[in-house]
């Protein structure tokens, strides 16, 4: 069982789909958050995606519209104004978001209804909702099986993943500023709260850009995901594959132009989901945890959200600190071929589900 917290974007737009790689897993609910677009957009996107993949009855809630103590920032230069530009195949949501009650309380209740040590929480956007959950209801940390977070970027030779260049010139660590990955930059105070929580740390896995940039969707990968086992020359494919491909191509162009990586865009959020599948024993892919090494991760909170570097500083930067402090898990690598096989298997599953519903 998985509770997903999300700010939906192009390559990560089908995050709920990736859980279909293991039929023993299902989504308890989804919570949206400010991020790549406004909360109104990310909530509408989530409803549309759940409808598109044949899961319209998964309950989803609108979460936090802004960070703890900052003005919300968005990333139209990467994802368009809607947060998921690039396709005309995304349907309108067939079911509206749940409006009754508080999203954070509902998240607590949904997780505590599951047996202890059973449910995972997957965070694929700004960590505002997650920080509110564990700050208000610390008992949830002891109850869940794990927390998987897509966010942050370490650099400094953590592995050999390409992190791109800033505006074609300056080497970078982050993907939104030279120092910061976007999810952490959006609400660095929330991120610091979550990553420094000693009760959560033993159950937390962080998937930074250093890992997601190992799985770039190159042109051959894009074609494989579009056509699957079909003959590409016949140009036969499903609407869900075409929609995913449209979004992937849009993100490929923006990640090349803004992110400085022309080979192809990374798939961020599916890796956060893959952590859950790997940990429960699914033979899908293998993360390299290097003898289960663990890290004390710090988040820079000094500086303001600004386009001026002298005002912004390194706010939102994540870095590994000394031996003292909560230790979380960060893989240094993974089986890339197995990852793409997992994505193809997921697409095959949703193809069959949608065919059965038509």
Protein backbone atom coordinates (compact mmCIF):
# COMPACT_ATOMS: atom_id res chain seq x y z
CA UNK A 1 0.00 0.00 0.00
CA UNK A 2 1.38 3.38 -0.93
CA UNK A 3 0.39 6.96 -0.18
CA UNK A 4 1.72 9.26 -2.91
CA UNK A 5 2.44 12.96 -2.48
CA UNK A 6 2.99 14.62 -5.81
CA UNK A 7 3.54 17.71 -7.94
CA UNK A 8 2.90 16.26 -11.38
CA UNK A 9 5.20 16.96 -14.33
CA UNK A 10 5.88 15.55 -17.80
CA UNK A 11 8.14 12.54 -17.35
CA UNK A 12 6.80 11.89 -13.89
CA UNK A 13 3.17 12.43 -14.82
CA UNK A 14 2.32 8.74 -14.66
CA UNK A 15 3.76 8.15 -11.20
CA UNK A 16 0.69 6.14 -10.09
CA UNK A 17 1.18 3.88 -13.13
CA UNK A 18 4.61 2.71 -11.97
CA UNK A 19 3.04 0.95 -8.98
CA UNK A 20 1.35 -1.37 -11.46
CA UNK A 21 4.70 -3.08 -11.86
CA UNK A 22 3.77 -5.05 -8.76
CA UNK A 23 0.14 -6.17 -8.63
CA UNK A 24 0.50 -6.64 -4.88
CA UNK A 25 0.76 -2.88 -4.40
CA UNK A 26 -2.00 -0.33 -4.60
CA UNK A 27 -2.33 3.39 -4.00
CA UNK A 28 -4.12 4.29 -0.78
CA UNK A 29 -4.53 7.93 -1.82
CA UNK A 30 -2.69 10.87 -3.37
CA UNK A 31 -1.99 14.35 -1.97
CA UNK A 32 -1.02 17.22 -4.24
CA UNK A 33 1.23 20.13 -3.35
CA UNK A 34 2.50 23.42 -4.75
CA UNK A 35 5.51 23.04 -7.00
CA UNK A 36 6.03 22.87 -10.74
CA UNK A 37 2.72 24.69 -11.10
CA UNK A 38 0.08 26.11 -8.77
CA UNK A 39 -1.83 23.79 -6.44
CA UNK A 40 -4.92 24.17 -8.63
CA UNK A 41 -2.96 22.92 -11.63
CA UNK A 42 -1.17 20.06 -9.83
CA UNK A 43 -4.47 18.85 -8.37
CA UNK A 44 -6.22 18.99 -11.74
CA UNK A 45 -3.26 17.19 -13.32
CA UNK A 46 -3.42 14.40 -10.76
CA UNK A 47 -7.12 13.82 -11.41
CA UNK A 48 -6.51 13.76 -15.15
CA UNK A 49 -3.64 11.29 -14.83
CA UNK A 50 -5.59 8.92 -12.60
CA UNK A 51 -8.37 8.98 -15.21
CA UNK A 52 -5.89 8.44 -18.05
CA UNK A 53 -4.40 5.30 -16.48
CA UNK A 54 -7.75 3.78 -15.59
CA UNK A 55 -7.57 4.52 -11.84
CA UNK A 56 -10.14 7.32 -11.44
CA UNK A 57 -11.42 6.04 -8.11
CA UNK A 58 -8.14 6.54 -6.25
CA UNK A 59 -8.95 9.37 -3.82
CA UNK A 60 -6.82 12.48 -4.19
CA UNK A 61 -6.68 15.60 -2.06
CA UNK A 62 -5.36 19.12 -2.51
CA UNK A 63 -2.58 19.66 0.03
CA UNK A 64 -0.42 22.69 0.78
CA UNK A 65 -0.66 25.62 -1.62
CA UNK A 66 2.56 27.26 -0.46
CA UNK A 67 5.71 26.55 1.58
CA UNK A 68 6.04 26.95 5.35
CA UNK A 69 7.34 30.52 5.25
CA UNK A 70 7.98 31.45 1.63
CA UNK A 71 6.09 32.47 -1.48
CA UNK A 72 5.36 29.54 -3.78
CA UNK A 73 7.61 29.20 -6.84
CA UNK A 74 6.83 27.32 -10.05
CA UNK A 75 8.82 26.03 -13.02
CA UNK A 76 7.06 26.90 -16.30
CA UNK A 77 10.41 26.96 -18.09
CA UNK A 78 10.61 23.19 -17.55
CA UNK A 79 6.99 22.07 -17.50
CA UNK A 80 4.86 24.78 -19.08
CA UNK A 81 2.22 26.90 -17.37
CA UNK A 82 -0.02 23.95 -16.53
CA UNK A 83 2.83 21.92 -15.06
CA UNK A 84 2.16 19.21 -17.64
CA UNK A 85 2.23 20.87 -21.07
CA UNK A 86 3.04 18.91 -24.19
CA UNK A 87 0.05 16.72 -25.07
CA UNK A 88 -3.59 17.03 -26.08
CA UNK A 89 -4.33 13.44 -25.05
CA UNK A 90 -4.69 14.03 -21.32
CA UNK A 91 -8.37 13.63 -20.39
CA UNK A 92 -10.36 15.70 -17.95
CA UNK A 93 -10.61 14.12 -14.52
CA UNK A 94 -13.68 11.92 -14.29
CA UNK A 95 -13.73 12.20 -10.49
CA UNK A 96 -13.07 15.45 -8.57
CA UNK A 97 -10.66 15.72 -5.65
CA UNK A 98 -11.91 14.94 -2.16
CA UNK A 99 -12.86 18.25 -0.58
CA UNK A 100 -14.22 17.10 2.76
CA UNK A 101 -11.85 17.39 5.72
CA UNK A 102 -8.17 18.28 6.02
CA UNK A 103 -5.68 16.68 3.61
CA UNK A 104 -2.98 16.14 6.26
CA UNK A 105 -5.39 14.54 8.74
CA UNK A 106 -6.76 12.37 5.95
CA UNK A 107 -3.21 11.31 5.09
CA UNK A 108 -2.55 10.37 8.72
CA UNK A 109 -5.79 8.40 8.94
CA UNK A 110 -5.15 6.56 5.66
CA UNK A 111 -1.67 5.49 6.76
CA UNK A 112 -2.68 4.47 10.29
CA UNK A 113 -5.51 2.33 8.92
CA UNK A 114 -2.88 0.08 7.36
CA UNK A 115 -1.09 -2.53 9.49
CA UNK A 116 2.05 -1.24 11.22
CA UNK A 117 5.15 -1.52 9.05
CA UNK A 118 3.09 -2.02 5.90
CA UNK A 119 2.44 1.30 4.12
CA UNK A 120 5.00 3.37 2.23
CA UNK A 121 4.88 7.11 1.66
CA UNK A 122 6.31 8.29 -1.68
CA UNK A 123 7.08 12.02 -1.94
CA UNK A 124 7.59 13.33 -5.47
CA UNK A 125 7.18 17.07 -4.96
CA UNK A 126 7.89 19.77 -2.41
CA UNK A 127 7.96 18.29 1.11
CA UNK A 128 5.48 20.68 2.72
CA UNK A 129 2.73 18.07 3.17
CA UNK A 130 5.21 15.49 4.47
CA UNK A 131 6.74 17.88 6.99
CA UNK A 132 3.29 18.91 8.23
CA UNK A 133 2.29 15.26 8.60
CA UNK A 134 5.27 14.18 10.70
CA UNK A 135 5.53 17.46 12.59
CA UNK A 136 1.90 17.29 13.66
CA UNK A 137 1.52 13.53 14.03
CA UNK A 138 4.94 12.08 14.96
CA UNK A 139 3.39 8.68 15.71
CA UNK A 140 3.04 8.10 11.96
CA UNK A 141 6.84 7.81 11.61
CA UNK A 142 6.86 4.71 13.78
CA UNK A 143 3.89 3.19 11.95
CA UNK A 144 4.93 3.36 8.30
CA UNK A 145 7.23 0.93 6.51
CA UNK A 146 9.22 3.60 4.74
CA UNK A 147 9.48 7.02 3.13
CA UNK A 148 10.86 7.43 -0.39
CA UNK A 149 11.71 10.97 -1.50
CA UNK A 150 12.64 12.26 -4.92
CA UNK A 151 14.63 15.41 -4.28
CA UNK A 152 17.98 17.03 -3.77
CA UNK A 153 21.30 16.85 -5.56
CA UNK A 154 24.70 16.14 -4.04
CA UNK A 155 27.36 16.52 -6.72
CA UNK A 156 30.96 16.46 -5.58
CA UNK A 157 31.67 13.13 -7.25
CA UNK A 158 28.93 11.22 -5.42
CA UNK A 159 28.69 9.16 -8.62
CA UNK A 160 29.29 9.69 -12.32
CA UNK A 161 25.81 10.96 -13.27
CA UNK A 162 25.82 14.02 -15.57
CA UNK A 163 24.31 17.02 -13.77
CA UNK A 164 24.37 19.37 -16.76
CA UNK A 165 25.67 22.89 -17.19
CA UNK A 166 24.05 26.14 -16.16
CA UNK A 167 22.96 28.11 -19.23
CA UNK A 168 25.49 26.18 -21.28
CA UNK A 169 28.48 27.53 -19.38
CA UNK A 170 28.65 26.93 -15.66
CA UNK A 171 28.71 23.48 -14.14
CA UNK A 172 25.82 22.91 -11.82
CA UNK A 173 24.66 20.72 -8.96
CA UNK A 174 20.96 21.56 -9.00
CA UNK A 175 18.42 21.66 -11.81
CA UNK A 176 16.61 24.89 -10.85
CA UNK A 177 19.49 26.94 -9.53
CA UNK A 178 23.20 26.13 -9.84
CA UNK A 179 22.98 24.63 -6.34
CA UNK A 180 19.44 23.40 -5.72
CA UNK A 181 17.10 20.72 -7.03
CA UNK A 182 13.59 22.09 -7.50
CA UNK A 183 11.58 20.00 -5.01
CA UNK A 184 13.91 20.96 -2.17
CA UNK A 185 14.24 24.56 -3.34
CA UNK A 186 10.45 25.01 -3.21
CA UNK A 187 10.33 24.52 0.56
CA UNK A 188 13.78 24.10 2.07
CA UNK A 189 12.48 24.46 5.63
CA UNK A 190 10.10 21.56 5.11
CA UNK A 191 12.89 19.47 3.55
CA UNK A 192 15.23 20.20 6.45
CA UNK A 193 12.52 19.18 8.90
CA UNK A 194 11.93 15.85 7.18
CA UNK A 195 15.56 14.95 6.46
CA UNK A 196 16.67 15.76 10.02
CA UNK A 197 13.90 13.77 11.71
CA UNK A 198 15.65 11.03 13.76
CA UNK A 199 12.55 8.82 13.87
CA UNK A 200 12.16 8.95 10.08
CA UNK A 201 15.80 8.64 9.07
CA UNK A 202 16.12 4.82 9.39
CA UNK A 203 13.09 4.46 7.11
CA UNK A 204 13.97 7.16 4.58
CA UNK A 205 15.48 6.71 1.12
CA UNK A 206 16.45 9.81 -0.86
CA UNK A 207 16.61 9.73 -4.65
CA UNK A 208 18.58 12.84 -5.73
CA UNK A 209 19.45 14.03 -9.23
CA UNK A 210 22.70 12.07 -8.91
CA UNK A 211 20.54 8.95 -9.26
CA UNK A 212 17.78 10.12 -11.60
CA UNK A 213 20.33 11.45 -14.10
CA UNK A 214 21.63 7.92 -14.53
CA UNK A 215 18.41 7.01 -16.39
CA UNK A 216 18.23 9.37 -19.35
CA UNK A 217 15.49 8.69 -21.90
CA UNK A 218 17.59 8.73 -25.06
CA UNK A 219 16.02 8.51 -28.54
CA UNK A 220 16.14 4.68 -28.65
CA UNK A 221 14.49 4.55 -25.22
CA UNK A 222 11.81 7.01 -26.33
CA UNK A 223 10.99 4.85 -29.35
CA UNK A 224 10.86 1.70 -27.25
CA UNK A 225 8.45 3.27 -24.78
CA UNK A 226 6.28 4.61 -27.61
CA UNK A 227 5.94 1.37 -29.58
CA UNK A 228 6.72 -1.35 -27.04
CA UNK A 229 6.94 -4.69 -28.80
CA UNK A 230 5.19 -3.34 -31.92
CA UNK A 231 7.05 -2.69 -35.14
CA UNK A 232 8.02 1.02 -35.12
CA UNK A 233 7.62 1.14 -38.91
CA UNK A 234 3.92 0.30 -38.52
CA UNK A 235 3.43 3.28 -36.20
CA UNK A 236 0.91 1.39 -34.09
CA UNK A 237 0.70 2.30 -30.43
CA UNK A 238 -1.79 3.04 -27.67
CA UNK A 239 -3.08 6.43 -26.61
CA UNK A 240 -1.45 6.11 -23.18
CA UNK A 241 1.94 5.41 -24.77
CA UNK A 242 1.50 8.29 -27.19
CA UNK A 243 0.54 10.60 -24.36
CA UNK A 244 3.56 9.57 -22.31
CA UNK A 245 5.79 10.00 -25.35
CA UNK A 246 4.37 13.49 -26.02
CA UNK A 247 5.17 14.53 -22.47
CA UNK A 248 8.59 12.94 -22.64
CA UNK A 249 9.48 14.84 -25.81
CA UNK A 250 8.32 18.15 -24.33
CA UNK A 251 10.47 17.58 -21.26
CA UNK A 252 13.40 16.45 -23.43
CA UNK A 253 13.46 19.81 -25.17
CA UNK A 254 13.20 21.85 -21.98
CA UNK A 255 15.74 19.73 -20.11
CA UNK A 256 18.19 20.19 -22.97
CA UNK A 257 17.58 23.94 -23.20
CA UNK A 258 17.38 24.76 -19.49
CA UNK A 259 19.03 21.79 -17.80
CA UNK A 260 21.99 21.45 -20.12
CA UNK A 261 21.52 17.71 -20.77
CA UNK A 262 20.80 17.09 -24.49
CA UNK A 263 21.05 13.27 -24.46
CA UNK A 264 17.51 12.90 -23.13
CA UNK A 265 15.46 13.76 -20.04
CA UNK A 266 15.73 11.85 -16.77
CA UNK A 267 12.80 10.05 -15.20
CA UNK A 268 12.73 11.32 -11.65
CA UNK A 269 9.68 10.05 -9.79
CA UNK A 270 9.51 6.45 -11.09
CA UNK A 271 12.78 5.85 -9.25
CA UNK A 272 11.18 6.92 -5.97
CA UNK A 273 8.43 4.37 -6.62
CA UNK A 274 11.01 1.76 -7.61
CA UNK A 275 12.51 2.07 -4.12
CA UNK A 276 9.25 0.66 -2.73
CA UNK A 277 9.17 -2.19 -5.22
CA UNK A 278 12.81 -3.06 -4.56
CA UNK A 279 12.46 -3.02 -0.80
CA UNK A 280 9.50 -5.38 -0.77
CA UNK A 281 11.45 -7.93 -2.76
CA UNK A 282 10.17 -7.43 -6.30
CA UNK A 283 12.74 -8.72 -8.77
CA UNK A 284 12.61 -5.65 -10.97
CA UNK A 285 15.85 -3.78 -10.49
CA UNK A 286 18.71 -3.53 -8.09
CA UNK A 287 19.87 -0.37 -6.32
CA UNK A 288 23.49 -0.07 -5.29
CA UNK A 289 23.43 0.92 -1.64
CA UNK A 290 27.18 0.31 -1.16
CA UNK A 291 27.10 -1.85 1.96
CA UNK A 292 24.03 0.04 3.21
CA UNK A 293 26.01 3.23 3.80
CA UNK A 294 23.92 6.03 5.25
CA UNK A 295 24.22 9.79 5.21
CA UNK A 296 23.43 12.85 7.27
CA UNK A 297 21.87 15.21 4.72
CA UNK A 298 21.74 18.94 5.37
CA UNK A 299 19.60 21.54 3.59
CA UNK A 300 20.60 25.19 3.19
CA UNK A 301 17.80 27.48 4.35
CA UNK A 302 19.72 30.76 4.25
CA UNK A 303 18.74 32.91 1.28
CA UNK A 304 15.55 34.03 -0.42
CA UNK A 305 13.70 32.76 -3.45
CA UNK A 306 14.96 35.15 -6.08
CA UNK A 307 16.33 35.36 -9.62
CA UNK A 308 19.27 37.33 -8.22
CA UNK A 309 22.06 35.04 -7.10
CA UNK A 310 23.34 37.46 -4.48
CA UNK A 311 19.91 37.33 -2.79
CA UNK A 312 19.26 33.64 -3.37
CA UNK A 313 22.65 32.27 -2.36
CA UNK A 314 22.64 28.47 -2.13
CA UNK A 315 19.17 28.12 -0.58
CA UNK A 316 17.76 24.64 -1.14
CA UNK A 317 21.17 23.02 -1.60
CA UNK A 318 21.49 19.52 -0.16
CA UNK A 319 24.82 18.21 1.05
CA UNK A 320 26.26 15.35 3.06
CA UNK A 321 27.49 16.40 6.48
CA UNK A 322 29.68 14.83 9.16
CA UNK A 323 29.17 11.63 11.13
CA UNK A 324 26.67 13.06 13.62
CA UNK A 325 22.97 13.30 12.92
CA UNK A 326 20.16 11.19 11.45
CA UNK A 327 21.33 8.82 8.73
CA UNK A 328 19.24 8.24 5.60
CA UNK A 329 19.83 5.90 2.69
CA UNK A 330 20.91 7.11 -0.76
CA UNK A 331 21.77 4.67 -3.56
CA UNK A 332 24.83 5.41 -5.66
CA UNK A 333 23.55 3.58 -8.72
CA UNK A 334 21.10 1.08 -10.16
CA UNK A 335 20.62 -1.44 -12.95
CA UNK A 336 19.61 0.96 -15.73
CA UNK A 337 18.54 -1.75 -18.17
CA UNK A 338 16.30 -3.33 -15.56
CA UNK A 339 14.80 0.08 -14.84
CA UNK A 340 13.70 0.57 -18.44
CA UNK A 341 12.32 -2.98 -18.47
CA UNK A 342 10.28 -2.03 -15.41
CA UNK A 343 8.87 1.03 -17.17
CA UNK A 344 7.94 -1.07 -20.21
CA UNK A 345 6.26 -3.65 -17.99
CA UNK A 346 4.23 -0.90 -16.34
CA UNK A 347 3.09 0.44 -19.69
CA UNK A 348 2.08 -3.05 -20.77
CA UNK A 349 -0.02 -3.43 -17.62
CA UNK A 350 -1.85 -0.15 -18.13
CA UNK A 351 -2.39 -0.99 -21.81
CA UNK A 352 -4.16 -4.19 -20.72
CA UNK A 353 -6.15 -2.41 -18.01
CA UNK A 354 -7.41 0.27 -20.37
CA UNK A 355 -8.24 -2.32 -23.02
CA UNK A 356 -10.33 -4.24 -20.49
CA UNK A 357 -12.23 -1.07 -19.58
CA UNK A 358 -13.04 -0.07 -23.16
